[in-house]
């Protein structure tokens, strides 16, 4: 699956997932 990380400069500070049709 495609997963997105949030970058602040060269550091990873969090993540993001896309809510698809499988989400209620």
PDBML (XML) file of the C-alpha atoms, coordinates in Angstrom:
<?xml version="1.0" encoding="UTF-8" ?>
<PDBx:datablock datablockName="MODEL"
   xmlns:PDBx="http://pdbml.pdb.org/schema/pdbx-v50.xsd"
   xmlns:xsi="http://www.w3.org/2001/XMLSchema-instance"
   xsi:schemaLocation="http://pdbml.pdb.org/schema/pdbx-v50.xsd pdbx-v50.xsd">
   <PDBx:atom_siteCategory>
      <PDBx:atom_site id="1">
         <PDBx:B_iso_or_equiv>0.00</PDBx:B_iso_or_equiv>
         <PDBx:Cartn_x>0.000</PDBx:Cartn_x>
         <PDBx:Cartn_y>0.000</PDBx:Cartn_y>
         <PDBx:Cartn_z>0.000</PDBx:Cartn_z>
         <PDBx:auth_asym_id>A</PDBx:auth_asym_id>
         <PDBx:auth_atom_id>CA</PDBx:auth_atom_id>
         <PDBx:auth_comp_id>UNK</PDBx:auth_comp_id>
         <PDBx:auth_seq_id>1</PDBx:auth_seq_id>
         <PDBx:group_PDB>ATOM</PDBx:group_PDB>
         <PDBx:label_alt_id xsi:nil="true" />
         <PDBx:label_asym_id>A</PDBx:label_asym_id>
         <PDBx:label_atom_id>CA</PDBx:label_atom_id>
         <PDBx:label_comp_id>UNK</PDBx:label_comp_id>
         <PDBx:label_entity_id>1</PDBx:label_entity_id>
         <PDBx:label_seq_id>1</PDBx:label_seq_id>
         <PDBx:occupancy>1.00</PDBx:occupancy>
         <PDBx:pdbx_PDB_model_num>1</PDBx:pdbx_PDB_model_num>
         <PDBx:type_symbol>C</PDBx:type_symbol>
      </PDBx:atom_site>
      <PDBx:atom_site id="2">
         <PDBx:B_iso_or_equiv>0.00</PDBx:B_iso_or_equiv>
         <PDBx:Cartn_x>1.030</PDBx:Cartn_x>
         <PDBx:Cartn_y>3.614</PDBx:Cartn_y>
         <PDBx:Cartn_z>-0.463</PDBx:Cartn_z>
         <PDBx:auth_asym_id>A</PDBx:auth_asym_id>
         <PDBx:auth_atom_id>CA</PDBx:auth_atom_id>
         <PDBx:auth_comp_id>UNK</PDBx:auth_comp_id>
         <PDBx:auth_seq_id>2</PDBx:auth_seq_id>
         <PDBx:group_PDB>ATOM</PDBx:group_PDB>
         <PDBx:label_alt_id xsi:nil="true" />
         <PDBx:label_asym_id>A</PDBx:label_asym_id>
         <PDBx:label_atom_id>CA</PDBx:label_atom_id>
         <PDBx:label_comp_id>UNK</PDBx:label_comp_id>
         <PDBx:label_entity_id>1</PDBx:label_entity_id>
         <PDBx:label_seq_id>2</PDBx:label_seq_id>
         <PDBx:occupancy>1.00</PDBx:occupancy>
         <PDBx:pdbx_PDB_model_num>1</PDBx:pdbx_PDB_model_num>
         <PDBx:type_symbol>C</PDBx:type_symbol>
      </PDBx:atom_site>
      <PDBx:atom_site id="3">
         <PDBx:B_iso_or_equiv>0.00</PDBx:B_iso_or_equiv>
         <PDBx:Cartn_x>1.959</PDBx:Cartn_x>
         <PDBx:Cartn_y>5.233</PDBx:Cartn_y>
         <PDBx:Cartn_z>2.827</PDBx:Cartn_z>
         <PDBx:auth_asym_id>A</PDBx:auth_asym_id>
         <PDBx:auth_atom_id>CA</PDBx:auth_atom_id>
         <PDBx:auth_comp_id>UNK</PDBx:auth_comp_id>
         <PDBx:auth_seq_id>3</PDBx:auth_seq_id>
         <PDBx:group_PDB>ATOM</PDBx:group_PDB>
         <PDBx:label_alt_id xsi:nil="true" />
         <PDBx:label_asym_id>A</PDBx:label_asym_id>
         <PDBx:label_atom_id>CA</PDBx:label_atom_id>
         <PDBx:label_comp_id>UNK</PDBx:label_comp_id>
         <PDBx:label_entity_id>1</PDBx:label_entity_id>
         <PDBx:label_seq_id>3</PDBx:label_seq_id>
         <PDBx:occupancy>1.00</PDBx:occupancy>
         <PDBx:pdbx_PDB_model_num>1</PDBx:pdbx_PDB_model_num>
         <PDBx:type_symbol>C</PDBx:type_symbol>
      </PDBx:atom_site>
      <PDBx:atom_site id="4">
         <PDBx:B_iso_or_equiv>0.00</PDBx:B_iso_or_equiv>
         <PDBx:Cartn_x>2.932</PDBx:Cartn_x>
         <PDBx:Cartn_y>8.882</PDBx:Cartn_y>
         <PDBx:Cartn_z>3.263</PDBx:Cartn_z>
         <PDBx:auth_asym_id>A</PDBx:auth_asym_id>
         <PDBx:auth_atom_id>CA</PDBx:auth_atom_id>
         <PDBx:auth_comp_id>UNK</PDBx:auth_comp_id>
         <PDBx:auth_seq_id>4</PDBx:auth_seq_id>
         <PDBx:group_PDB>ATOM</PDBx:group_PDB>
         <PDBx:label_alt_id xsi:nil="true" />
         <PDBx:label_asym_id>A</PDBx:label_asym_id>
         <PDBx:label_atom_id>CA</PDBx:label_atom_id>
         <PDBx:label_comp_id>UNK</PDBx:label_comp_id>
         <PDBx:label_entity_id>1</PDBx:label_entity_id>
         <PDBx:label_seq_id>4</PDBx:label_seq_id>
         <PDBx:occupancy>1.00</PDBx:occupancy>
         <PDBx:pdbx_PDB_model_num>1</PDBx:pdbx_PDB_model_num>
         <PDBx:type_symbol>C</PDBx:type_symbol>
      </PDBx:atom_site>
      <PDBx:atom_site id="5">
         <PDBx:B_iso_or_equiv>0.00</PDBx:B_iso_or_equiv>
         <PDBx:Cartn_x>5.322</PDBx:Cartn_x>
         <PDBx:Cartn_y>10.177</PDBx:Cartn_y>
         <PDBx:Cartn_z>5.886</PDBx:Cartn_z>
         <PDBx:auth_asym_id>A</PDBx:auth_asym_id>
         <PDBx:auth_atom_id>CA</PDBx:auth_atom_id>
         <PDBx:auth_comp_id>UNK</PDBx:auth_comp_id>
         <PDBx:auth_seq_id>5</PDBx:auth_seq_id>
         <PDBx:group_PDB>ATOM</PDBx:group_PDB>
         <PDBx:label_alt_id xsi:nil="true" />
         <PDBx:label_asym_id>A</PDBx:label_asym_id>
         <PDBx:label_atom_id>CA</PDBx:label_atom_id>
         <PDBx:label_comp_id>UNK</PDBx:label_comp_id>
         <PDBx:label_entity_id>1</PDBx:label_entity_id>
         <PDBx:label_seq_id>5</PDBx:label_seq_id>
         <PDBx:occupancy>1.00</PDBx:occupancy>
         <PDBx:pdbx_PDB_model_num>1</PDBx:pdbx_PDB_model_num>
         <PDBx:type_symbol>C</PDBx:type_symbol>
      </PDBx:atom_site>
      <PDBx:atom_site id="6">
         <PDBx:B_iso_or_equiv>0.00</PDBx:B_iso_or_equiv>
         <PDBx:Cartn_x>5.471</PDBx:Cartn_x>
         <PDBx:Cartn_y>13.800</PDBx:Cartn_y>
         <PDBx:Cartn_z>6.975</PDBx:Cartn_z>
         <PDBx:auth_asym_id>A</PDBx:auth_asym_id>
         <PDBx:auth_atom_id>CA</PDBx:auth_atom_id>
         <PDBx:auth_comp_id>UNK</PDBx:auth_comp_id>
         <PDBx:auth_seq_id>6</PDBx:auth_seq_id>
         <PDBx:group_PDB>ATOM</PDBx:group_PDB>
         <PDBx:label_alt_id xsi:nil="true" />
         <PDBx:label_asym_id>A</PDBx:label_asym_id>
         <PDBx:label_atom_id>CA</PDBx:label_atom_id>
         <PDBx:label_comp_id>UNK</PDBx:label_comp_id>
         <PDBx:label_entity_id>1</PDBx:label_entity_id>
         <PDBx:label_seq_id>6</PDBx:label_seq_id>
         <PDBx:occupancy>1.00</PDBx:occupancy>
         <PDBx:pdbx_PDB_model_num>1</PDBx:pdbx_PDB_model_num>
         <PDBx:type_symbol>C</PDBx:type_symbol>
      </PDBx:atom_site>
      <PDBx:atom_site id="7">
         <PDBx:B_iso_or_equiv>0.00</PDBx:B_iso_or_equiv>
         <PDBx:Cartn_x>8.988</PDBx:Cartn_x>
         <PDBx:Cartn_y>15.214</PDBx:Cartn_y>
         <PDBx:Cartn_z>6.753</PDBx:Cartn_z>
         <PDBx:auth_asym_id>A</PDBx:auth_asym_id>
         <PDBx:auth_atom_id>CA</PDBx:auth_atom_id>
         <PDBx:auth_comp_id>UNK</PDBx:auth_comp_id>
         <PDBx:auth_seq_id>7</PDBx:auth_seq_id>
         <PDBx:group_PDB>ATOM</PDBx:group_PDB>
         <PDBx:label_alt_id xsi:nil="true" />
         <PDBx:label_asym_id>A</PDBx:label_asym_id>
         <PDBx:label_atom_id>CA</PDBx:label_atom_id>
         <PDBx:label_comp_id>UNK</PDBx:label_comp_id>
         <PDBx:label_entity_id>1</PDBx:label_entity_id>
         <PDBx:label_seq_id>7</PDBx:label_seq_id>
         <PDBx:occupancy>1.00</PDBx:occupancy>
         <PDBx:pdbx_PDB_model_num>1</PDBx:pdbx_PDB_model_num>
         <PDBx:type_symbol>C</PDBx:type_symbol>
      </PDBx:atom_site>
      <PDBx:atom_site id="8">
         <PDBx:B_iso_or_equiv>0.00</PDBx:B_iso_or_equiv>
         <PDBx:Cartn_x>10.260</PDBx:Cartn_x>
         <PDBx:Cartn_y>18.254</PDBx:Cartn_y>
         <PDBx:Cartn_z>8.652</PDBx:Cartn_z>
         <PDBx:auth_asym_id>A</PDBx:auth_asym_id>
         <PDBx:auth_atom_id>CA</PDBx:auth_atom_id>
         <PDBx:auth_comp_id>UNK</PDBx:auth_comp_id>
         <PDBx:auth_seq_id>8</PDBx:auth_seq_id>
         <PDBx:group_PDB>ATOM</PDBx:group_PDB>
         <PDBx:label_alt_id xsi:nil="true" />
         <PDBx:label_asym_id>A</PDBx:label_asym_id>
         <PDBx:label_atom_id>CA</PDBx:label_atom_id>
         <PDBx:label_comp_id>UNK</PDBx:label_comp_id>
         <PDBx:label_entity_id>1</PDBx:label_entity_id>
         <PDBx:label_seq_id>8</PDBx:label_seq_id>
         <PDBx:occupancy>1.00</PDBx:occupancy>
         <PDBx:pdbx_PDB_model_num>1</PDBx:pdbx_PDB_model_num>
         <PDBx:type_symbol>C</PDBx:type_symbol>
      </PDBx:atom_site>
      <PDBx:atom_site id="9">
         <PDBx:B_iso_or_equiv>0.00</PDBx:B_iso_or_equiv>
         <PDBx:Cartn_x>13.572</PDBx:Cartn_x>
         <PDBx:Cartn_y>18.908</PDBx:Cartn_y>
         <PDBx:Cartn_z>6.992</PDBx:Cartn_z>
         <PDBx:auth_asym_id>A</PDBx:auth_asym_id>
         <PDBx:auth_atom_id>CA</PDBx:auth_atom_id>
         <PDBx:auth_comp_id>UNK</PDBx:auth_comp_id>
         <PDBx:auth_seq_id>9</PDBx:auth_seq_id>
         <PDBx:group_PDB>ATOM</PDBx:group_PDB>
         <PDBx:label_alt_id xsi:nil="true" />
         <PDBx:label_asym_id>A</PDBx:label_asym_id>
         <PDBx:label_atom_id>CA</PDBx:label_atom_id>
         <PDBx:label_comp_id>UNK</PDBx:label_comp_id>
         <PDBx:label_entity_id>1</PDBx:label_entity_id>
         <PDBx:label_seq_id>9</PDBx:label_seq_id>
         <PDBx:occupancy>1.00</PDBx:occupancy>
         <PDBx:pdbx_PDB_model_num>1</PDBx:pdbx_PDB_model_num>
         <PDBx:type_symbol>C</PDBx:type_symbol>
      </PDBx:atom_site>
      <PDBx:atom_site id="10">
         <PDBx:B_iso_or_equiv>0.00</PDBx:B_iso_or_equiv>
         <PDBx:Cartn_x>15.343</PDBx:Cartn_x>
         <PDBx:Cartn_y>15.562</PDBx:Cartn_y>
         <PDBx:Cartn_z>7.122</PDBx:Cartn_z>
         <PDBx:auth_asym_id>A</PDBx:auth_asym_id>
         <PDBx:auth_atom_id>CA</PDBx:auth_atom_id>
         <PDBx:auth_comp_id>UNK</PDBx:auth_comp_id>
         <PDBx:auth_seq_id>10</PDBx:auth_seq_id>
         <PDBx:group_PDB>ATOM</PDBx:group_PDB>
         <PDBx:label_alt_id xsi:nil="true" />
         <PDBx:label_asym_id>A</PDBx:label_asym_id>
         <PDBx:label_atom_id>CA</PDBx:label_atom_id>
         <PDBx:label_comp_id>UNK</PDBx:label_comp_id>
         <PDBx:label_entity_id>1</PDBx:label_entity_id>
         <PDBx:label_seq_id>10</PDBx:label_seq_id>
         <PDBx:occupancy>1.00</PDBx:occupancy>
         <PDBx:pdbx_PDB_model_num>1</PDBx:pdbx_PDB_model_num>
         <PDBx:type_symbol>C</PDBx:type_symbol>
      </PDBx:atom_site>
      <PDBx:atom_site id="11">
         <PDBx:B_iso_or_equiv>0.00</PDBx:B_iso_or_equiv>
         <PDBx:Cartn_x>13.261</PDBx:Cartn_x>
         <PDBx:Cartn_y>14.196</PDBx:Cartn_y>
         <PDBx:Cartn_z>10.026</PDBx:Cartn_z>
         <PDBx:auth_asym_id>A</PDBx:auth_asym_id>
         <PDBx:auth_atom_id>CA</PDBx:auth_atom_id>
         <PDBx:auth_comp_id>UNK</PDBx:auth_comp_id>
         <PDBx:auth_seq_id>11</PDBx:auth_seq_id>
         <PDBx:group_PDB>ATOM</PDBx:group_PDB>
         <PDBx:label_alt_id xsi:nil="true" />
         <PDBx:label_asym_id>A</PDBx:label_asym_id>
         <PDBx:label_atom_id>CA</PDBx:label_atom_id>
         <PDBx:label_comp_id>UNK</PDBx:label_comp_id>
         <PDBx:label_entity_id>1</PDBx:label_entity_id>
         <PDBx:label_seq_id>11</PDBx:label_seq_id>
         <PDBx:occupancy>1.00</PDBx:occupancy>
         <PDBx:pdbx_PDB_model_num>1</PDBx:pdbx_PDB_model_num>
         <PDBx:type_symbol>C</PDBx:type_symbol>
      </PDBx:atom_site>
      <PDBx:atom_site id="12">
         <PDBx:B_iso_or_equiv>0.00</PDBx:B_iso_or_equiv>
         <PDBx:Cartn_x>10.102</PDBx:Cartn_x>
         <PDBx:Cartn_y>12.089</PDBx:Cartn_y>
         <PDBx:Cartn_z>9.846</PDBx:Cartn_z>
         <PDBx:auth_asym_id>A</PDBx:auth_asym_id>
         <PDBx:auth_atom_id>CA</PDBx:auth_atom_id>
         <PDBx:auth_comp_id>UNK</PDBx:auth_comp_id>
         <PDBx:auth_seq_id>12</PDBx:auth_seq_id>
         <PDBx:group_PDB>ATOM</PDBx:group_PDB>
         <PDBx:label_alt_id xsi:nil="true" />
         <PDBx:label_asym_id>A</PDBx:label_asym_id>
         <PDBx:label_atom_id>CA</PDBx:label_atom_id>
         <PDBx:label_comp_id>UNK</PDBx:label_comp_id>
         <PDBx:label_entity_id>1</PDBx:label_entity_id>
         <PDBx:label_seq_id>12</PDBx:label_seq_id>
         <PDBx:occupancy>1.00</PDBx:occupancy>
         <PDBx:pdbx_PDB_model_num>1</PDBx:pdbx_PDB_model_num>
         <PDBx:type_symbol>C</PDBx:type_symbol>
      </PDBx:atom_site>
      <PDBx:atom_site id="13">
         <PDBx:B_iso_or_equiv>0.00</PDBx:B_iso_or_equiv>
         <PDBx:Cartn_x>7.504</PDBx:Cartn_x>
         <PDBx:Cartn_y>13.531</PDBx:Cartn_y>
         <PDBx:Cartn_z>12.258</PDBx:Cartn_z>
         <PDBx:auth_asym_id>A</PDBx:auth_asym_id>
         <PDBx:auth_atom_id>CA</PDBx:auth_atom_id>
         <PDBx:auth_comp_id>UNK</PDBx:auth_comp_id>
         <PDBx:auth_seq_id>13</PDBx:auth_seq_id>
         <PDBx:group_PDB>ATOM</PDBx:group_PDB>
         <PDBx:label_alt_id xsi:nil="true" />
         <PDBx:label_asym_id>A</PDBx:label_asym_id>
         <PDBx:label_atom_id>CA</PDBx:label_atom_id>
         <PDBx:label_comp_id>UNK</PDBx:label_comp_id>
         <PDBx:label_entity_id>1</PDBx:label_entity_id>
         <PDBx:label_seq_id>13</PDBx:label_seq_id>
         <PDBx:occupancy>1.00</PDBx:occupancy>
         <PDBx:pdbx_PDB_model_num>1</PDBx:pdbx_PDB_model_num>
         <PDBx:type_symbol>C</PDBx:type_symbol>
      </PDBx:atom_site>
      <PDBx:atom_site id="14">
         <PDBx:B_iso_or_equiv>0.00</PDBx:B_iso_or_equiv>
         <PDBx:Cartn_x>4.304</PDBx:Cartn_x>
         <PDBx:Cartn_y>11.614</PDBx:Cartn_y>
         <PDBx:Cartn_z>11.411</PDBx:Cartn_z>
         <PDBx:auth_asym_id>A</PDBx:auth_asym_id>
         <PDBx:auth_atom_id>CA</PDBx:auth_atom_id>
         <PDBx:auth_comp_id>UNK</PDBx:auth_comp_id>
         <PDBx:auth_seq_id>14</PDBx:auth_seq_id>
         <PDBx:group_PDB>ATOM</PDBx:group_PDB>
         <PDBx:label_alt_id xsi:nil="true" />
         <PDBx:label_asym_id>A</PDBx:label_asym_id>
         <PDBx:label_atom_id>CA</PDBx:label_atom_id>
         <PDBx:label_comp_id>UNK</PDBx:label_comp_id>
         <PDBx:label_entity_id>1</PDBx:label_entity_id>
         <PDBx:label_seq_id>14</PDBx:label_seq_id>
         <PDBx:occupancy>1.00</PDBx:occupancy>
         <PDBx:pdbx_PDB_model_num>1</PDBx:pdbx_PDB_model_num>
         <PDBx:type_symbol>C</PDBx:type_symbol>
      </PDBx:atom_site>
      <PDBx:atom_site id="15">
         <PDBx:B_iso_or_equiv>0.00</PDBx:B_iso_or_equiv>
         <PDBx:Cartn_x>2.329</PDBx:Cartn_x>
         <PDBx:Cartn_y>9.746</PDBx:Cartn_y>
         <PDBx:Cartn_z>8.810</PDBx:Cartn_z>
         <PDBx:auth_asym_id>A</PDBx:auth_asym_id>
         <PDBx:auth_atom_id>CA</PDBx:auth_atom_id>
         <PDBx:auth_comp_id>UNK</PDBx:auth_comp_id>
         <PDBx:auth_seq_id>15</PDBx:auth_seq_id>
         <PDBx:group_PDB>ATOM</PDBx:group_PDB>
         <PDBx:label_alt_id xsi:nil="true" />
         <PDBx:label_asym_id>A</PDBx:label_asym_id>
         <PDBx:label_atom_id>CA</PDBx:label_atom_id>
         <PDBx:label_comp_id>UNK</PDBx:label_comp_id>
         <PDBx:label_entity_id>1</PDBx:label_entity_id>
         <PDBx:label_seq_id>15</PDBx:label_seq_id>
         <PDBx:occupancy>1.00</PDBx:occupancy>
         <PDBx:pdbx_PDB_model_num>1</PDBx:pdbx_PDB_model_num>
         <PDBx:type_symbol>C</PDBx:type_symbol>
      </PDBx:atom_site>
      <PDBx:atom_site id="16">
         <PDBx:B_iso_or_equiv>0.00</PDBx:B_iso_or_equiv>
         <PDBx:Cartn_x>-0.749</PDBx:Cartn_x>
         <PDBx:Cartn_y>9.834</PDBx:Cartn_y>
         <PDBx:Cartn_z>6.592</PDBx:Cartn_z>
         <PDBx:auth_asym_id>A</PDBx:auth_asym_id>
         <PDBx:auth_atom_id>CA</PDBx:auth_atom_id>
         <PDBx:auth_comp_id>UNK</PDBx:auth_comp_id>
         <PDBx:auth_seq_id>16</PDBx:auth_seq_id>
         <PDBx:group_PDB>ATOM</PDBx:group_PDB>
         <PDBx:label_alt_id xsi:nil="true" />
         <PDBx:label_asym_id>A</PDBx:label_asym_id>
         <PDBx:label_atom_id>CA</PDBx:label_atom_id>
         <PDBx:label_comp_id>UNK</PDBx:label_comp_id>
         <PDBx:label_entity_id>1</PDBx:label_entity_id>
         <PDBx:label_seq_id>16</PDBx:label_seq_id>
         <PDBx:occupancy>1.00</PDBx:occupancy>
         <PDBx:pdbx_PDB_model_num>1</PDBx:pdbx_PDB_model_num>
         <PDBx:type_symbol>C</PDBx:type_symbol>
      </PDBx:atom_site>
      <PDBx:atom_site id="17">
         <PDBx:B_iso_or_equiv>0.00</PDBx:B_iso_or_equiv>
         <PDBx:Cartn_x>-3.013</PDBx:Cartn_x>
         <PDBx:Cartn_y>7.172</PDBx:Cartn_y>
         <PDBx:Cartn_z>5.130</PDBx:Cartn_z>
         <PDBx:auth_asym_id>A</PDBx:auth_asym_id>
         <PDBx:auth_atom_id>CA</PDBx:auth_atom_id>
         <PDBx:auth_comp_id>UNK</PDBx:auth_comp_id>
         <PDBx:auth_seq_id>17</PDBx:auth_seq_id>
         <PDBx:group_PDB>ATOM</PDBx:group_PDB>
         <PDBx:label_alt_id xsi:nil="true" />
         <PDBx:label_asym_id>A</PDBx:label_asym_id>
         <PDBx:label_atom_id>CA</PDBx:label_atom_id>
         <PDBx:label_comp_id>UNK</PDBx:label_comp_id>
         <PDBx:label_entity_id>1</PDBx:label_entity_id>
         <PDBx:label_seq_id>17</PDBx:label_seq_id>
         <PDBx:occupancy>1.00</PDBx:occupancy>
         <PDBx:pdbx_PDB_model_num>1</PDBx:pdbx_PDB_model_num>
         <PDBx:type_symbol>C</PDBx:type_symbol>
      </PDBx:atom_site>
      <PDBx:atom_site id="18">
         <PDBx:B_iso_or_equiv>0.00</PDBx:B_iso_or_equiv>
         <PDBx:Cartn_x>-5.703</PDBx:Cartn_x>
         <PDBx:Cartn_y>7.634</PDBx:Cartn_y>
         <PDBx:Cartn_z>2.493</PDBx:Cartn_z>
         <PDBx:auth_asym_id>A</PDBx:auth_asym_id>
         <PDBx:auth_atom_id>CA</PDBx:auth_atom_id>
         <PDBx:auth_comp_id>UNK</PDBx:auth_comp_id>
         <PDBx:auth_seq_id>18</PDBx:auth_seq_id>
         <PDBx:group_PDB>ATOM</PDBx:group_PDB>
         <PDBx:label_alt_id xsi:nil="true" />
         <PDBx:label_asym_id>A</PDBx:label_asym_id>
         <PDBx:label_atom_id>CA</PDBx:label_atom_id>
         <PDBx:label_comp_id>UNK</PDBx:label_comp_id>
         <PDBx:label_entity_id>1</PDBx:label_entity_id>
         <PDBx:label_seq_id>18</PDBx:label_seq_id>
         <PDBx:occupancy>1.00</PDBx:occupancy>
         <PDBx:pdbx_PDB_model_num>1</PDBx:pdbx_PDB_model_num>
         <PDBx:type_symbol>C</PDBx:type_symbol>
      </PDBx:atom_site>
      <PDBx:atom_site id="19">
         <PDBx:B_iso_or_equiv>0.00</PDBx:B_iso_or_equiv>
         <PDBx:Cartn_x>-9.195</PDBx:Cartn_x>
         <PDBx:Cartn_y>6.543</PDBx:Cartn_y>
         <PDBx:Cartn_z>3.541</PDBx:Cartn_z>
         <PDBx:auth_asym_id>A</PDBx:auth_asym_id>
         <PDBx:auth_atom_id>CA</PDBx:auth_atom_id>
         <PDBx:auth_comp_id>UNK</PDBx:auth_comp_id>
         <PDBx:auth_seq_id>19</PDBx:auth_seq_id>
         <PDBx:group_PDB>ATOM</PDBx:group_PDB>
         <PDBx:label_alt_id xsi:nil="true" />
         <PDBx:label_asym_id>A</PDBx:label_asym_id>
         <PDBx:label_atom_id>CA</PDBx:label_atom_id>
         <PDBx:label_comp_id>UNK</PDBx:label_comp_id>
         <PDBx:label_entity_id>1</PDBx:label_entity_id>
         <PDBx:label_seq_id>19</PDBx:label_seq_id>
         <PDBx:occupancy>1.00</PDBx:occupancy>
         <PDBx:pdbx_PDB_model_num>1</PDBx:pdbx_PDB_model_num>
         <PDBx:type_symbol>C</PDBx:type_symbol>
      </PDBx:atom_site>
      <PDBx:atom_site id="20">
         <PDBx:B_iso_or_equiv>0.00</PDBx:B_iso_or_equiv>
         <PDBx:Cartn_x>-10.501</PDBx:Cartn_x>
         <PDBx:Cartn_y>4.361</PDBx:Cartn_y>
         <PDBx:Cartn_z>0.725</PDBx:Cartn_z>
         <PDBx:auth_asym_id>A</PDBx:auth_asym_id>
         <PDBx:auth_atom_id>CA</PDBx:auth_atom_id>
         <PDBx:auth_comp_id>UNK</PDBx:auth_comp_id>
         <PDBx:auth_seq_id>20</PDBx:auth_seq_id>
         <PDBx:group_PDB>ATOM</PDBx:group_PDB>
         <PDBx:label_alt_id xsi:nil="true" />
         <PDBx:label_asym_id>A</PDBx:label_asym_id>
         <PDBx:label_atom_id>CA</PDBx:label_atom_id>
         <PDBx:label_comp_id>UNK</PDBx:label_comp_id>
         <PDBx:label_entity_id>1</PDBx:label_entity_id>
         <PDBx:label_seq_id>20</PDBx:label_seq_id>
         <PDBx:occupancy>1.00</PDBx:occupancy>
         <PDBx:pdbx_PDB_model_num>1</PDBx:pdbx_PDB_model_num>
         <PDBx:type_symbol>C</PDBx:type_symbol>
      </PDBx:atom_site>
      <PDBx:atom_site id="21">
         <PDBx:B_iso_or_equiv>0.00</PDBx:B_iso_or_equiv>
         <PDBx:Cartn_x>-13.830</PDBx:Cartn_x>
         <PDBx:Cartn_y>2.675</PDBx:Cartn_y>
         <PDBx:Cartn_z>0.046</PDBx:Cartn_z>
         <PDBx:auth_asym_id>A</PDBx:auth_asym_id>
         <PDBx:auth_atom_id>CA</PDBx:auth_atom_id>
         <PDBx:auth_comp_id>UNK</PDBx:auth_comp_id>
         <PDBx:auth_seq_id>21</PDBx:auth_seq_id>
         <PDBx:group_PDB>ATOM</PDBx:group_PDB>
         <PDBx:label_alt_id xsi:nil="true" />
         <PDBx:label_asym_id>A</PDBx:label_asym_id>
         <PDBx:label_atom_id>CA</PDBx:label_atom_id>
         <PDBx:label_comp_id>UNK</PDBx:label_comp_id>
         <PDBx:label_entity_id>1</PDBx:label_entity_id>
         <PDBx:label_seq_id>21</PDBx:label_seq_id>
         <PDBx:occupancy>1.00</PDBx:occupancy>
         <PDBx:pdbx_PDB_model_num>1</PDBx:pdbx_PDB_model_num>
         <PDBx:type_symbol>C</PDBx:type_symbol>
      </PDBx:atom_site>
      <PDBx:atom_site id="22">
         <PDBx:B_iso_or_equiv>0.00</PDBx:B_iso_or_equiv>
         <PDBx:Cartn_x>-13.085</PDBx:Cartn_x>
         <PDBx:Cartn_y>0.083</PDBx:Cartn_y>
         <PDBx:Cartn_z>2.729</PDBx:Cartn_z>
         <PDBx:auth_asym_id>A</PDBx:auth_asym_id>
         <PDBx:auth_atom_id>CA</PDBx:auth_atom_id>
         <PDBx:auth_comp_id>UNK</PDBx:auth_comp_id>
         <PDBx:auth_seq_id>22</PDBx:auth_seq_id>
         <PDBx:group_PDB>ATOM</PDBx:group_PDB>
         <PDBx:label_alt_id xsi:nil="true" />
         <PDBx:label_asym_id>A</PDBx:label_asym_id>
         <PDBx:label_atom_id>CA</PDBx:label_atom_id>
         <PDBx:label_comp_id>UNK</PDBx:label_comp_id>
         <PDBx:label_entity_id>1</PDBx:label_entity_id>
         <PDBx:label_seq_id>22</PDBx:label_seq_id>
         <PDBx:occupancy>1.00</PDBx:occupancy>
         <PDBx:pdbx_PDB_model_num>1</PDBx:pdbx_PDB_model_num>
         <PDBx:type_symbol>C</PDBx:type_symbol>
      </PDBx:atom_site>
      <PDBx:atom_site id="23">
         <PDBx:B_iso_or_equiv>0.00</PDBx:B_iso_or_equiv>
         <PDBx:Cartn_x>-13.484</PDBx:Cartn_x>
         <PDBx:Cartn_y>2.751</PDBx:Cartn_y>
         <PDBx:Cartn_z>5.421</PDBx:Cartn_z>
         <PDBx:auth_asym_id>A</PDBx:auth_asym_id>
         <PDBx:auth_atom_id>CA</PDBx:auth_atom_id>
         <PDBx:auth_comp_id>UNK</PDBx:auth_comp_id>
         <PDBx:auth_seq_id>23</PDBx:auth_seq_id>
         <PDBx:group_PDB>ATOM</PDBx:group_PDB>
         <PDBx:label_alt_id xsi:nil="true" />
         <PDBx:label_asym_id>A</PDBx:label_asym_id>
         <PDBx:label_atom_id>CA</PDBx:label_atom_id>
         <PDBx:label_comp_id>UNK</PDBx:label_comp_id>
         <PDBx:label_entity_id>1</PDBx:label_entity_id>
         <PDBx:label_seq_id>23</PDBx:label_seq_id>
         <PDBx:occupancy>1.00</PDBx:occupancy>
         <PDBx:pdbx_PDB_model_num>1</PDBx:pdbx_PDB_model_num>
         <PDBx:type_symbol>C</PDBx:type_symbol>
      </PDBx:atom_site>
      <PDBx:atom_site id="24">
         <PDBx:B_iso_or_equiv>0.00</PDBx:B_iso_or_equiv>
         <PDBx:Cartn_x>-17.044</PDBx:Cartn_x>
         <PDBx:Cartn_y>3.106</PDBx:Cartn_y>
         <PDBx:Cartn_z>6.804</PDBx:Cartn_z>
         <PDBx:auth_asym_id>A</PDBx:auth_asym_id>
         <PDBx:auth_atom_id>CA</PDBx:auth_atom_id>
         <PDBx:auth_comp_id>UNK</PDBx:auth_comp_id>
         <PDBx:auth_seq_id>24</PDBx:auth_seq_id>
         <PDBx:group_PDB>ATOM</PDBx:group_PDB>
         <PDBx:label_alt_id xsi:nil="true" />
         <PDBx:label_asym_id>A</PDBx:label_asym_id>
         <PDBx:label_atom_id>CA</PDBx:label_atom_id>
         <PDBx:label_comp_id>UNK</PDBx:label_comp_id>
         <PDBx:label_entity_id>1</PDBx:label_entity_id>
         <PDBx:label_seq_id>24</PDBx:label_seq_id>
         <PDBx:occupancy>1.00</PDBx:occupancy>
         <PDBx:pdbx_PDB_model_num>1</PDBx:pdbx_PDB_model_num>
         <PDBx:type_symbol>C</PDBx:type_symbol>
      </PDBx:atom_site>
   </PDBx:atom_siteCategory>
</PDBx:datablock>
